[in-house]
């Protein structure tokens, strides 16, 4: 699995396509596959789970009685994200208590840039567990906040209390992206492509903005 932008995009399209079957019956939407992939994506933060949820929402939108299937898809996505988050946090806690750490804890540390981790710790000190809701919605924001929670020795039950609304908000956001993409096109595959594209744009926007701001500051410094 490539760590670059192109690799992430291709992985997102491929996984979204696998999660969305070609059959048109509601039973073939593949919610068990969606659940498993989102859980795995939450435990191993390289799987583009947002693209999966948006793609599945497109298919649900094009089924008969879309409200029912969208509600089911929302519940599956939120529950899977929650289970994956809690599992990863529990594994991280075990690593914190272990003298030698763990590969899960090391993985979290590798994916949390020092400046992002420091920002997450400051926000956690000011806002408590409510920061988990925002972290789930901000691309690449979940891991630094989770690591900050681990470093502050937050209890699992307190983490759970903040993660429930975070996962609900996350599932709703990416489902809305999928519905927006699905409503623009008559064919599900067209909507899936649009939804994945929107998801990639949403995910890339903060990184692009930080680079633009950083370039502007350096340029302003040189002019001064």
N, C-alpha and C. Protein backbone atom coordinates (compact mmCIF):
# COMPACT_ATOMS: atom_id res chain seq x y z
N UNK A 1 0.84 -1.20 0.00
CA UNK A 1 0.00 0.00 0.00
C UNK A 1 0.87 1.23 0.00
N UNK A 2 0.71 2.07 -1.02
CA UNK A 2 1.53 3.25 -1.14
C UNK A 2 1.11 4.30 -0.16
N UNK A 3 2.09 5.05 0.38
CA UNK A 3 1.77 6.12 1.31
C UNK A 3 1.59 7.45 0.65
N UNK A 4 1.88 7.57 -0.70
CA UNK A 4 1.77 8.84 -1.38
C UNK A 4 0.35 9.17 -1.73
N UNK A 5 0.11 10.42 -2.22
CA UNK A 5 -1.24 10.85 -2.56
C UNK A 5 -1.85 10.01 -3.65
N UNK A 6 -1.04 9.69 -4.71
CA UNK A 6 -1.59 8.89 -5.81
C UNK A 6 -1.95 7.49 -5.33
N UNK A 7 -1.08 6.91 -4.49
CA UNK A 7 -1.38 5.58 -3.97
C UNK A 7 -2.62 5.57 -3.12
N UNK A 8 -2.80 6.61 -2.29
CA UNK A 8 -3.99 6.70 -1.45
C UNK A 8 -5.25 6.84 -2.27
N UNK A 9 -5.18 7.64 -3.35
CA UNK A 9 -6.35 7.81 -4.21
C UNK A 9 -6.73 6.51 -4.89
N UNK A 10 -5.72 5.82 -5.45
CA UNK A 10 -6.00 4.55 -6.13
C UNK A 10 -6.56 3.53 -5.16
N UNK A 11 -6.00 3.50 -3.93
CA UNK A 11 -6.51 2.56 -2.93
C UNK A 11 -7.94 2.88 -2.57
N UNK A 12 -8.26 4.18 -2.47
CA UNK A 12 -9.62 4.57 -2.13
C UNK A 12 -10.61 4.15 -3.19
N UNK A 13 -10.25 4.38 -4.46
CA UNK A 13 -11.15 3.99 -5.55
C UNK A 13 -11.32 2.48 -5.59
N UNK A 14 -10.19 1.75 -5.44
CA UNK A 14 -10.27 0.29 -5.50
C UNK A 14 -11.12 -0.28 -4.38
N UNK A 15 -10.92 0.19 -3.17
CA UNK A 15 -11.67 -0.34 -2.03
C UNK A 15 -13.14 0.06 -2.11
N UNK A 16 -13.41 1.28 -2.57
CA UNK A 16 -14.80 1.68 -2.73
C UNK A 16 -15.50 0.82 -3.77
N UNK A 17 -14.78 0.51 -4.84
CA UNK A 17 -15.37 -0.33 -5.88
C UNK A 17 -15.65 -1.73 -5.36
N UNK A 18 -14.74 -2.25 -4.55
CA UNK A 18 -14.96 -3.60 -4.01
C UNK A 18 -16.13 -3.64 -3.03
N UNK A 19 -16.33 -2.55 -2.31
CA UNK A 19 -17.40 -2.51 -1.33
C UNK A 19 -18.77 -2.34 -1.96
N UNK A 20 -18.81 -1.92 -3.24
CA UNK A 20 -20.08 -1.67 -3.92
C UNK A 20 -20.27 -2.72 -5.00
N UNK A 21 -21.21 -3.63 -4.87
CA UNK A 21 -21.42 -4.69 -5.83
C UNK A 21 -22.15 -4.20 -7.06
N UNK A 22 -22.14 -5.02 -8.10
CA UNK A 22 -22.77 -4.62 -9.35
C UNK A 22 -24.25 -4.96 -9.36
N UNK A 23 -24.72 -5.82 -8.49
CA UNK A 23 -26.13 -6.17 -8.47
C UNK A 23 -26.94 -4.99 -7.95
N UNK A 24 -28.22 -4.98 -8.27
CA UNK A 24 -29.08 -3.86 -7.88
C UNK A 24 -29.98 -4.20 -6.72
N UNK A 25 -29.97 -5.43 -6.22
CA UNK A 25 -30.84 -5.77 -5.12
C UNK A 25 -30.27 -5.22 -3.82
N UNK A 26 -31.10 -4.74 -2.89
CA UNK A 26 -30.57 -4.20 -1.63
C UNK A 26 -29.75 -5.20 -0.86
N UNK A 27 -30.12 -6.51 -0.96
CA UNK A 27 -29.38 -7.52 -0.20
C UNK A 27 -27.92 -7.62 -0.65
N UNK A 28 -27.62 -7.13 -1.86
CA UNK A 28 -26.27 -7.26 -2.40
C UNK A 28 -25.40 -6.04 -2.12
N UNK A 29 -25.89 -5.10 -1.32
CA UNK A 29 -25.12 -3.88 -1.07
C UNK A 29 -23.83 -4.18 -0.34
N UNK A 30 -23.78 -5.23 0.44
CA UNK A 30 -22.53 -5.66 1.06
C UNK A 30 -22.22 -4.99 2.38
N UNK A 31 -23.21 -4.86 3.26
CA UNK A 31 -22.96 -4.22 4.55
C UNK A 31 -21.98 -4.98 5.43
N UNK A 32 -21.98 -6.31 5.42
CA UNK A 32 -20.95 -7.00 6.21
C UNK A 32 -19.53 -6.66 5.74
N UNK A 33 -19.34 -6.55 4.42
CA UNK A 33 -18.03 -6.16 3.90
C UNK A 33 -17.69 -4.74 4.32
N UNK A 34 -18.67 -3.86 4.24
CA UNK A 34 -18.44 -2.47 4.66
C UNK A 34 -18.04 -2.42 6.14
N UNK A 35 -18.75 -3.16 6.98
CA UNK A 35 -18.45 -3.18 8.41
C UNK A 35 -17.02 -3.64 8.65
N UNK A 36 -16.63 -4.74 8.01
CA UNK A 36 -15.30 -5.30 8.21
C UNK A 36 -14.22 -4.34 7.73
N UNK A 37 -14.42 -3.73 6.57
CA UNK A 37 -13.41 -2.83 6.02
C UNK A 37 -13.25 -1.57 6.86
N UNK A 38 -14.35 -1.05 7.39
CA UNK A 38 -14.24 0.15 8.23
C UNK A 38 -13.56 -0.18 9.55
N UNK A 39 -13.86 -1.34 10.12
CA UNK A 39 -13.18 -1.75 11.35
C UNK A 39 -11.68 -1.87 11.09
N UNK A 40 -11.32 -2.55 10.02
CA UNK A 40 -9.90 -2.72 9.68
C UNK A 40 -9.25 -1.37 9.41
N UNK A 41 -9.98 -0.50 8.69
CA UNK A 41 -9.45 0.82 8.39
C UNK A 41 -9.25 1.69 9.62
N UNK A 42 -10.05 1.48 10.64
CA UNK A 42 -9.88 2.21 11.89
C UNK A 42 -8.71 1.67 12.69
N UNK A 43 -8.48 0.37 12.60
CA UNK A 43 -7.36 -0.24 13.31
C UNK A 43 -6.04 0.00 12.60
N UNK A 44 -6.07 0.00 11.27
CA UNK A 44 -4.88 0.20 10.45
C UNK A 44 -5.12 1.46 9.62
N UNK A 45 -4.69 2.62 10.08
CA UNK A 45 -5.10 3.89 9.48
C UNK A 45 -4.47 4.19 8.13
N UNK A 46 -4.58 3.25 7.19
CA UNK A 46 -4.15 3.50 5.81
C UNK A 46 -5.28 3.20 4.84
N UNK A 47 -6.36 2.60 5.34
CA UNK A 47 -7.51 2.29 4.50
C UNK A 47 -8.43 3.51 4.47
N UNK A 48 -8.79 4.01 3.26
CA UNK A 48 -9.63 5.21 3.16
C UNK A 48 -11.09 4.91 3.50
N UNK A 49 -11.40 4.85 4.78
CA UNK A 49 -12.74 4.47 5.21
C UNK A 49 -13.80 5.48 4.79
N UNK A 50 -13.43 6.76 4.71
CA UNK A 50 -14.41 7.76 4.27
C UNK A 50 -14.91 7.48 2.87
N UNK A 51 -14.01 7.08 1.98
CA UNK A 51 -14.40 6.75 0.60
C UNK A 51 -15.32 5.53 0.58
N UNK A 52 -15.06 4.56 1.45
CA UNK A 52 -15.91 3.38 1.52
C UNK A 52 -17.33 3.75 1.93
N UNK A 53 -17.45 4.58 2.95
CA UNK A 53 -18.77 4.96 3.44
C UNK A 53 -19.51 5.78 2.39
N UNK A 54 -18.82 6.70 1.73
CA UNK A 54 -19.46 7.51 0.70
C UNK A 54 -19.90 6.65 -0.48
N UNK A 55 -19.05 5.71 -0.89
CA UNK A 55 -19.42 4.83 -1.99
C UNK A 55 -20.62 3.96 -1.67
N UNK A 56 -20.65 3.41 -0.45
CA UNK A 56 -21.80 2.59 -0.04
C UNK A 56 -23.07 3.43 0.05
N UNK A 57 -22.94 4.69 0.45
CA UNK A 57 -24.10 5.58 0.53
C UNK A 57 -24.70 5.84 -0.85
N UNK A 58 -23.85 5.91 -1.87
CA UNK A 58 -24.35 6.08 -3.24
C UNK A 58 -25.24 4.92 -3.62
N UNK A 59 -24.78 3.71 -3.35
CA UNK A 59 -25.56 2.52 -3.71
C UNK A 59 -26.87 2.49 -2.93
N UNK A 60 -26.81 2.79 -1.64
CA UNK A 60 -28.03 2.81 -0.83
C UNK A 60 -29.01 3.86 -1.35
N UNK A 61 -28.49 4.99 -1.82
CA UNK A 61 -29.34 6.07 -2.33
C UNK A 61 -30.09 5.64 -3.58
N UNK A 62 -29.49 4.75 -4.37
CA UNK A 62 -30.11 4.32 -5.63
C UNK A 62 -30.99 3.08 -5.46
N UNK A 63 -31.14 2.57 -4.25
CA UNK A 63 -32.01 1.42 -4.03
C UNK A 63 -33.45 1.88 -3.81
N UNK A 64 -34.37 0.92 -3.91
CA UNK A 64 -35.73 1.21 -3.51
C UNK A 64 -35.78 1.47 -2.01
N UNK A 65 -36.64 2.37 -1.56
CA UNK A 65 -36.71 2.79 -0.16
C UNK A 65 -35.33 3.23 0.33
N UNK A 66 -34.76 4.26 -0.30
CA UNK A 66 -33.39 4.67 0.05
C UNK A 66 -33.24 5.11 1.50
N UNK A 67 -34.29 5.69 2.09
CA UNK A 67 -34.17 6.16 3.47
C UNK A 67 -33.83 5.00 4.41
N UNK A 68 -34.47 3.84 4.19
CA UNK A 68 -34.22 2.67 5.02
C UNK A 68 -32.78 2.19 4.87
N UNK A 69 -32.32 2.08 3.63
CA UNK A 69 -30.98 1.56 3.40
C UNK A 69 -29.90 2.55 3.82
N UNK A 70 -30.17 3.84 3.69
CA UNK A 70 -29.22 4.83 4.17
C UNK A 70 -29.11 4.80 5.69
N UNK A 71 -30.24 4.59 6.35
CA UNK A 71 -30.22 4.48 7.81
C UNK A 71 -29.41 3.27 8.24
N UNK A 72 -29.59 2.15 7.55
CA UNK A 72 -28.83 0.95 7.87
C UNK A 72 -27.34 1.16 7.60
N UNK A 73 -27.03 1.78 6.47
CA UNK A 73 -25.63 2.03 6.13
C UNK A 73 -24.98 2.96 7.15
N UNK A 74 -25.72 3.96 7.60
CA UNK A 74 -25.22 4.88 8.62
C UNK A 74 -24.90 4.13 9.91
N UNK A 75 -25.81 3.27 10.34
CA UNK A 75 -25.59 2.51 11.57
C UNK A 75 -24.39 1.58 11.46
N UNK A 76 -24.25 0.90 10.32
CA UNK A 76 -23.14 -0.01 10.12
C UNK A 76 -21.81 0.75 10.15
N UNK A 77 -21.75 1.88 9.44
CA UNK A 77 -20.51 2.66 9.36
C UNK A 77 -20.12 3.21 10.73
N UNK A 78 -21.10 3.78 11.44
CA UNK A 78 -20.80 4.36 12.76
C UNK A 78 -20.36 3.28 13.75
N UNK A 79 -21.06 2.15 13.76
CA UNK A 79 -20.71 1.07 14.68
C UNK A 79 -19.33 0.50 14.38
N UNK A 80 -19.02 0.35 13.09
CA UNK A 80 -17.71 -0.19 12.71
C UNK A 80 -16.59 0.78 13.10
N UNK A 81 -16.81 2.07 12.85
CA UNK A 81 -15.79 3.06 13.21
C UNK A 81 -15.57 3.08 14.72
N UNK A 82 -16.65 3.00 15.47
CA UNK A 82 -16.55 2.99 16.93
C UNK A 82 -15.79 1.76 17.42
N UNK A 83 -16.13 0.60 16.90
CA UNK A 83 -15.47 -0.63 17.31
C UNK A 83 -13.98 -0.57 16.99
N UNK A 84 -13.65 -0.05 15.79
CA UNK A 84 -12.24 0.06 15.42
C UNK A 84 -11.49 1.04 16.30
N UNK A 85 -12.11 2.18 16.60
CA UNK A 85 -11.47 3.17 17.47
C UNK A 85 -11.20 2.62 18.86
N UNK A 86 -12.23 2.00 19.43
CA UNK A 86 -12.08 1.46 20.78
C UNK A 86 -11.03 0.35 20.80
N UNK A 87 -11.04 -0.49 19.78
CA UNK A 87 -10.03 -1.55 19.71
C UNK A 87 -8.62 -0.99 19.62
N UNK A 88 -8.44 0.05 18.79
CA UNK A 88 -7.12 0.64 18.64
C UNK A 88 -6.69 1.35 19.93
N UNK A 89 -7.64 2.00 20.60
CA UNK A 89 -7.29 2.68 21.85
C UNK A 89 -6.92 1.67 22.93
N UNK A 90 -7.65 0.57 22.99
CA UNK A 90 -7.34 -0.48 23.97
C UNK A 90 -5.95 -1.06 23.71
N UNK A 91 -5.63 -1.28 22.44
CA UNK A 91 -4.30 -1.79 22.10
C UNK A 91 -3.23 -0.76 22.45
N UNK A 92 -3.54 0.52 22.22
CA UNK A 92 -2.60 1.57 22.59
C UNK A 92 -2.37 1.63 24.09
N UNK A 93 -3.45 1.45 24.87
CA UNK A 93 -3.30 1.42 26.32
C UNK A 93 -2.40 0.28 26.77
N UNK A 94 -2.56 -0.86 26.15
CA UNK A 94 -1.69 -2.00 26.49
C UNK A 94 -0.24 -1.66 26.19
N UNK A 95 -0.02 -0.98 25.08
CA UNK A 95 1.34 -0.57 24.73
C UNK A 95 1.91 0.43 25.71
N UNK A 96 1.07 1.35 26.21
CA UNK A 96 1.54 2.34 27.18
C UNK A 96 1.93 1.67 28.50
N UNK A 97 1.20 0.60 28.85
CA UNK A 97 1.50 -0.09 30.12
C UNK A 97 2.67 -1.06 29.99
N UNK A 98 2.98 -1.44 28.75
CA UNK A 98 4.05 -2.41 28.54
C UNK A 98 5.42 -1.72 28.58
N UNK A 99 6.38 -2.39 29.12
CA UNK A 99 7.72 -1.82 29.21
C UNK A 99 8.31 -1.59 27.83
N UNK A 100 8.03 -2.47 26.90
CA UNK A 100 8.58 -2.38 25.56
C UNK A 100 7.61 -1.78 24.55
N UNK A 101 6.47 -1.30 25.02
CA UNK A 101 5.49 -0.72 24.11
C UNK A 101 4.82 -1.80 23.27
N UNK A 102 4.33 -1.43 22.10
CA UNK A 102 3.69 -2.38 21.19
C UNK A 102 3.75 -1.82 19.79
N UNK A 103 3.54 -2.69 18.82
CA UNK A 103 3.60 -2.23 17.43
C UNK A 103 2.43 -1.29 17.13
N UNK A 104 1.30 -1.47 17.82
CA UNK A 104 0.16 -0.58 17.61
C UNK A 104 0.49 0.82 18.12
N UNK A 105 1.11 0.91 19.27
CA UNK A 105 1.49 2.21 19.82
C UNK A 105 2.56 2.86 18.95
N UNK A 106 3.50 2.08 18.47
CA UNK A 106 4.54 2.61 17.60
C UNK A 106 3.94 3.12 16.30
N UNK A 107 2.94 2.41 15.79
CA UNK A 107 2.26 2.84 14.57
C UNK A 107 1.58 4.19 14.78
N UNK A 108 0.95 4.38 15.92
CA UNK A 108 0.32 5.66 16.21
C UNK A 108 1.36 6.77 16.28
N UNK A 109 2.46 6.50 16.93
CA UNK A 109 3.51 7.52 17.06
C UNK A 109 4.10 7.89 15.71
N UNK A 110 4.26 6.92 14.84
CA UNK A 110 4.82 7.19 13.53
C UNK A 110 3.89 8.05 12.68
N UNK A 111 2.58 7.95 12.93
CA UNK A 111 1.62 8.68 12.11
C UNK A 111 1.18 10.01 12.74
N UNK A 112 1.78 10.38 13.83
CA UNK A 112 1.44 11.65 14.48
C UNK A 112 2.67 12.56 14.44
N UNK A 113 2.63 13.57 13.56
CA UNK A 113 3.74 14.52 13.49
C UNK A 113 3.85 15.26 14.82
N UNK A 114 5.06 15.57 15.26
CA UNK A 114 5.24 16.20 16.57
C UNK A 114 4.42 17.47 16.76
N UNK A 115 4.35 18.31 15.72
CA UNK A 115 3.58 19.55 15.87
C UNK A 115 2.08 19.28 15.97
N UNK A 116 1.60 18.27 15.21
CA UNK A 116 0.19 17.92 15.29
C UNK A 116 -0.14 17.31 16.66
N UNK A 117 0.78 16.53 17.19
CA UNK A 117 0.57 15.92 18.51
C UNK A 117 0.52 17.00 19.59
N UNK A 118 1.40 17.99 19.49
CA UNK A 118 1.41 19.06 20.48
C UNK A 118 0.12 19.86 20.42
N UNK A 119 -0.36 20.14 19.20
CA UNK A 119 -1.64 20.84 19.06
C UNK A 119 -2.78 20.02 19.65
N UNK A 120 -2.75 18.69 19.42
CA UNK A 120 -3.79 17.82 19.94
C UNK A 120 -3.78 17.81 21.47
N UNK A 121 -2.60 17.80 22.07
CA UNK A 121 -2.51 17.80 23.53
C UNK A 121 -3.05 19.11 24.12
N UNK A 122 -2.76 20.23 23.45
CA UNK A 122 -3.26 21.52 23.92
C UNK A 122 -4.79 21.57 23.83
N UNK A 123 -5.34 21.08 22.72
CA UNK A 123 -6.79 21.09 22.55
C UNK A 123 -7.46 20.14 23.54
N UNK A 124 -6.82 19.02 23.80
CA UNK A 124 -7.38 18.06 24.77
C UNK A 124 -7.40 18.68 26.16
N UNK A 125 -6.36 19.41 26.50
CA UNK A 125 -6.33 20.08 27.82
C UNK A 125 -7.44 21.11 27.95
N UNK A 126 -7.74 21.81 26.85
CA UNK A 126 -8.75 22.88 26.90
C UNK A 126 -10.18 22.35 26.79
N UNK A 127 -10.39 21.36 25.94
CA UNK A 127 -11.76 20.95 25.61
C UNK A 127 -12.13 19.55 26.09
N UNK A 128 -11.19 18.77 26.57
CA UNK A 128 -11.52 17.43 27.04
C UNK A 128 -11.92 16.50 25.91
N UNK A 129 -12.79 15.54 26.21
CA UNK A 129 -13.13 14.50 25.24
C UNK A 129 -13.91 15.04 24.04
N UNK A 130 -14.46 16.25 24.14
CA UNK A 130 -15.20 16.79 22.99
C UNK A 130 -14.31 16.99 21.78
N UNK A 131 -12.99 17.09 22.00
CA UNK A 131 -12.08 17.26 20.88
C UNK A 131 -12.09 16.02 19.97
N UNK A 132 -12.54 14.88 20.48
CA UNK A 132 -12.61 13.66 19.67
C UNK A 132 -13.57 13.82 18.50
N UNK A 133 -14.65 14.58 18.70
CA UNK A 133 -15.62 14.78 17.62
C UNK A 133 -14.96 15.50 16.45
N UNK A 134 -14.25 16.57 16.73
CA UNK A 134 -13.57 17.32 15.68
C UNK A 134 -12.48 16.49 15.03
N UNK A 135 -11.76 15.71 15.85
CA UNK A 135 -10.64 14.93 15.31
C UNK A 135 -11.11 13.91 14.28
N UNK A 136 -12.30 13.38 14.45
CA UNK A 136 -12.84 12.41 13.50
C UNK A 136 -13.22 13.06 12.18
N UNK A 137 -13.52 14.35 12.20
CA UNK A 137 -13.97 15.04 11.00
C UNK A 137 -12.82 15.71 10.25
N UNK A 138 -11.72 15.97 10.93
CA UNK A 138 -10.57 16.61 10.30
C UNK A 138 -9.65 15.53 9.73
N UNK A 139 -9.34 15.57 8.43
CA UNK A 139 -8.44 14.57 7.86
C UNK A 139 -7.11 14.52 8.62
N UNK A 140 -6.66 13.33 8.92
CA UNK A 140 -5.41 13.08 9.65
C UNK A 140 -5.45 13.66 11.06
N UNK A 141 -6.64 13.92 11.59
CA UNK A 141 -6.74 14.47 12.94
C UNK A 141 -6.99 13.43 14.01
N UNK A 142 -7.45 12.25 13.62
CA UNK A 142 -7.85 11.24 14.60
C UNK A 142 -6.66 10.68 15.37
N UNK A 143 -5.58 10.34 14.67
CA UNK A 143 -4.45 9.67 15.31
C UNK A 143 -3.73 10.57 16.30
N UNK A 144 -3.41 11.83 15.96
CA UNK A 144 -2.76 12.67 16.98
C UNK A 144 -3.60 12.85 18.24
N UNK A 145 -4.91 13.01 18.09
CA UNK A 145 -5.77 13.18 19.27
C UNK A 145 -5.84 11.88 20.07
N UNK A 146 -5.93 10.75 19.39
CA UNK A 146 -5.95 9.48 20.11
C UNK A 146 -4.65 9.28 20.88
N UNK A 147 -3.52 9.61 20.25
CA UNK A 147 -2.24 9.47 20.94
C UNK A 147 -2.15 10.43 22.12
N UNK A 148 -2.70 11.64 21.95
CA UNK A 148 -2.72 12.60 23.07
C UNK A 148 -3.55 12.05 24.23
N UNK A 149 -4.66 11.40 23.92
CA UNK A 149 -5.49 10.78 24.96
C UNK A 149 -4.72 9.68 25.69
N UNK A 150 -3.98 8.88 24.93
CA UNK A 150 -3.19 7.82 25.54
C UNK A 150 -2.10 8.39 26.45
N UNK A 151 -1.44 9.44 25.98
CA UNK A 151 -0.35 10.03 26.77
C UNK A 151 -0.87 10.71 28.03
N UNK A 152 -2.13 11.17 27.98
CA UNK A 152 -2.72 11.78 29.18
C UNK A 152 -3.33 10.74 30.12
N UNK A 153 -3.20 9.45 29.74
CA UNK A 153 -3.74 8.35 30.54
C UNK A 153 -5.25 8.43 30.69
N UNK A 154 -5.92 8.87 29.66
CA UNK A 154 -7.39 8.91 29.68
C UNK A 154 -7.95 7.50 29.80
N UNK A 155 -8.91 7.30 30.67
CA UNK A 155 -9.52 5.99 30.84
C UNK A 155 -10.33 5.61 29.60
N UNK A 156 -10.44 4.31 29.38
CA UNK A 156 -11.14 3.82 28.21
C UNK A 156 -12.59 4.29 28.20
N UNK A 157 -13.26 4.29 29.35
CA UNK A 157 -14.66 4.68 29.39
C UNK A 157 -14.83 6.17 29.06
N UNK A 158 -13.85 7.00 29.41
CA UNK A 158 -13.92 8.41 29.05
C UNK A 158 -13.70 8.58 27.55
N UNK A 159 -12.78 7.79 27.00
CA UNK A 159 -12.57 7.82 25.56
C UNK A 159 -13.83 7.39 24.82
N UNK A 160 -14.48 6.36 25.31
CA UNK A 160 -15.73 5.87 24.69
C UNK A 160 -16.79 6.96 24.70
N UNK A 161 -16.89 7.69 25.80
CA UNK A 161 -17.89 8.75 25.92
C UNK A 161 -17.71 9.82 24.85
N UNK A 162 -16.48 10.14 24.51
CA UNK A 162 -16.24 11.13 23.47
C UNK A 162 -16.28 10.55 22.07
N UNK A 163 -15.99 9.25 21.95
CA UNK A 163 -15.89 8.66 20.62
C UNK A 163 -17.25 8.33 20.02
N UNK A 164 -18.27 8.11 20.84
CA UNK A 164 -19.60 7.80 20.31
C UNK A 164 -20.12 8.93 19.41
N UNK A 165 -20.20 10.18 19.91
CA UNK A 165 -20.67 11.24 19.01
C UNK A 165 -19.70 11.50 17.86
N UNK A 166 -18.41 11.25 18.09
CA UNK A 166 -17.44 11.44 17.01
C UNK A 166 -17.72 10.51 15.84
N UNK A 167 -17.98 9.24 16.13
CA UNK A 167 -18.25 8.27 15.07
C UNK A 167 -19.59 8.53 14.39
N UNK A 168 -20.58 8.97 15.15
CA UNK A 168 -21.87 9.31 14.55
C UNK A 168 -21.73 10.49 13.59
N UNK A 169 -20.99 11.52 14.02
CA UNK A 169 -20.79 12.69 13.16
C UNK A 169 -19.98 12.33 11.92
N UNK A 170 -18.98 11.48 12.09
CA UNK A 170 -18.16 11.05 10.96
C UNK A 170 -18.98 10.27 9.92
N UNK A 171 -19.75 9.31 10.39
CA UNK A 171 -20.57 8.52 9.48
C UNK A 171 -21.58 9.39 8.74
N UNK A 172 -22.20 10.33 9.45
CA UNK A 172 -23.18 11.22 8.82
C UNK A 172 -22.53 12.10 7.76
N UNK A 173 -21.34 12.61 8.05
CA UNK A 173 -20.65 13.50 7.12
C UNK A 173 -20.31 12.80 5.81
N UNK A 174 -19.71 11.63 5.90
CA UNK A 174 -19.32 10.92 4.68
C UNK A 174 -20.52 10.31 3.97
N UNK A 175 -21.57 10.02 4.71
CA UNK A 175 -22.78 9.56 4.03
C UNK A 175 -23.39 10.70 3.22
N UNK A 176 -23.38 11.92 3.77
CA UNK A 176 -23.90 13.07 3.04
C UNK A 176 -23.09 13.34 1.77
N UNK A 177 -21.79 13.13 1.86
CA UNK A 177 -20.95 13.28 0.65
C UNK A 177 -21.39 12.26 -0.40
N UNK A 178 -21.65 11.02 0.03
CA UNK A 178 -22.11 10.01 -0.90
C UNK A 178 -23.46 10.32 -1.49
N UNK A 179 -24.38 10.81 -0.67
CA UNK A 179 -25.71 11.17 -1.17
C UNK A 179 -25.61 12.32 -2.18
N UNK A 180 -24.73 13.27 -1.89
CA UNK A 180 -24.54 14.39 -2.82
C UNK A 180 -24.02 13.89 -4.16
N UNK A 181 -23.05 12.96 -4.11
CA UNK A 181 -22.54 12.41 -5.35
C UNK A 181 -23.57 11.55 -6.07
N UNK A 182 -24.32 10.75 -5.31
CA UNK A 182 -25.32 9.89 -5.93
C UNK A 182 -26.48 10.64 -6.54
N UNK A 183 -26.83 11.79 -5.97
CA UNK A 183 -27.97 12.55 -6.48
C UNK A 183 -27.66 13.25 -7.79
N UNK A 184 -26.39 13.35 -8.16
CA UNK A 184 -26.02 14.08 -9.38
C UNK A 184 -26.04 13.21 -10.62
N UNK A 185 -26.03 11.88 -10.45
CA UNK A 185 -25.89 10.99 -11.59
C UNK A 185 -26.92 9.87 -11.54
N UNK A 186 -27.38 9.42 -12.72
CA UNK A 186 -28.40 8.36 -12.74
C UNK A 186 -27.85 6.97 -12.45
N UNK A 187 -26.55 6.75 -12.73
CA UNK A 187 -25.96 5.43 -12.54
C UNK A 187 -25.16 5.38 -11.24
N UNK A 188 -25.29 4.29 -10.48
CA UNK A 188 -24.55 4.20 -9.21
C UNK A 188 -23.04 4.35 -9.37
N UNK A 189 -22.47 3.75 -10.43
CA UNK A 189 -21.01 3.81 -10.57
C UNK A 189 -20.54 5.23 -10.79
N UNK A 190 -21.36 6.03 -11.47
CA UNK A 190 -20.99 7.44 -11.66
C UNK A 190 -21.02 8.18 -10.33
N UNK A 191 -22.03 7.87 -9.53
CA UNK A 191 -22.12 8.49 -8.22
C UNK A 191 -20.97 8.09 -7.31
N UNK A 192 -20.56 6.80 -7.39
CA UNK A 192 -19.44 6.34 -6.58
C UNK A 192 -18.17 7.11 -6.95
N UNK A 193 -17.94 7.27 -8.26
CA UNK A 193 -16.75 8.02 -8.70
C UNK A 193 -16.79 9.46 -8.18
N UNK A 194 -17.98 10.08 -8.27
CA UNK A 194 -18.12 11.46 -7.78
C UNK A 194 -17.91 11.53 -6.27
N UNK A 195 -18.47 10.57 -5.54
CA UNK A 195 -18.34 10.57 -4.08
C UNK A 195 -16.90 10.37 -3.66
N UNK A 196 -16.19 9.45 -4.32
CA UNK A 196 -14.78 9.23 -3.99
C UNK A 196 -13.98 10.49 -4.30
N UNK A 197 -14.30 11.14 -5.43
CA UNK A 197 -13.62 12.38 -5.76
C UNK A 197 -13.85 13.47 -4.72
N UNK A 198 -15.09 13.60 -4.26
CA UNK A 198 -15.40 14.58 -3.22
C UNK A 198 -14.67 14.24 -1.91
N UNK A 199 -14.61 12.95 -1.59
CA UNK A 199 -13.92 12.53 -0.37
C UNK A 199 -12.44 12.87 -0.45
N UNK A 200 -11.83 12.62 -1.60
CA UNK A 200 -10.41 12.94 -1.77
C UNK A 200 -10.18 14.44 -1.64
N UNK A 201 -11.07 15.24 -2.21
CA UNK A 201 -10.94 16.70 -2.10
C UNK A 201 -11.04 17.16 -0.65
N UNK A 202 -12.03 16.61 0.06
CA UNK A 202 -12.20 16.96 1.47
C UNK A 202 -10.96 16.57 2.28
N UNK A 203 -10.41 15.39 1.99
CA UNK A 203 -9.25 14.91 2.73
C UNK A 203 -7.98 15.71 2.42
N UNK A 204 -7.86 16.15 1.16
CA UNK A 204 -6.64 16.84 0.74
C UNK A 204 -6.66 18.32 1.06
N UNK A 205 -7.85 18.91 1.24
CA UNK A 205 -7.94 20.36 1.42
C UNK A 205 -7.10 20.90 2.58
N UNK A 206 -7.14 20.31 3.78
CA UNK A 206 -6.33 20.86 4.88
C UNK A 206 -4.83 20.83 4.58
N UNK A 207 -4.34 19.76 3.95
CA UNK A 207 -2.92 19.67 3.64
C UNK A 207 -2.52 20.74 2.64
N UNK A 208 -3.35 20.92 1.61
CA UNK A 208 -3.06 21.95 0.61
C UNK A 208 -3.07 23.33 1.25
N UNK A 209 -4.04 23.57 2.13
CA UNK A 209 -4.14 24.88 2.78
C UNK A 209 -2.92 25.16 3.66
N UNK A 210 -2.46 24.14 4.40
CA UNK A 210 -1.27 24.34 5.23
C UNK A 210 -0.05 24.65 4.39
N UNK A 211 0.08 23.98 3.24
CA UNK A 211 1.23 24.23 2.38
C UNK A 211 1.17 25.62 1.78
N UNK A 212 -0.04 26.05 1.39
CA UNK A 212 -0.19 27.39 0.82
C UNK A 212 0.15 28.44 1.87
N UNK A 213 -0.36 28.26 3.09
CA UNK A 213 -0.07 29.20 4.16
C UNK A 213 1.42 29.22 4.50
N UNK A 214 2.01 28.02 4.54
CA UNK A 214 3.44 27.94 4.83
C UNK A 214 4.27 28.63 3.77
N UNK A 215 3.90 28.43 2.49
CA UNK A 215 4.60 29.10 1.39
C UNK A 215 4.44 30.60 1.44
N UNK A 216 3.22 31.06 1.80
CA UNK A 216 2.97 32.49 1.89
C UNK A 216 3.78 33.14 3.00
N UNK A 217 3.90 32.41 4.14
CA UNK A 217 4.68 32.96 5.24
C UNK A 217 6.16 33.05 4.89
N UNK A 218 6.68 32.03 4.20
CA UNK A 218 8.09 32.07 3.81
C UNK A 218 8.33 33.17 2.81
N UNK A 219 7.37 33.31 1.87
CA UNK A 219 7.50 34.37 0.88
C UNK A 219 7.47 35.75 1.51
N UNK A 220 6.56 35.94 2.52
CA UNK A 220 6.46 37.21 3.20
C UNK A 220 7.72 37.51 3.98
N UNK A 221 8.33 36.46 4.55
CA UNK A 221 9.57 36.65 5.29
C UNK A 221 10.71 37.09 4.39
N UNK A 222 10.76 36.52 3.17
CA UNK A 222 11.82 36.91 2.24
C UNK A 222 11.64 38.34 1.77
N UNK A 223 10.37 38.74 1.54
CA UNK A 223 10.14 40.11 1.09
C UNK A 223 10.50 41.12 2.15
N UNK A 224 10.30 40.72 3.44
CA UNK A 224 10.65 41.64 4.52
C UNK A 224 12.16 41.77 4.67
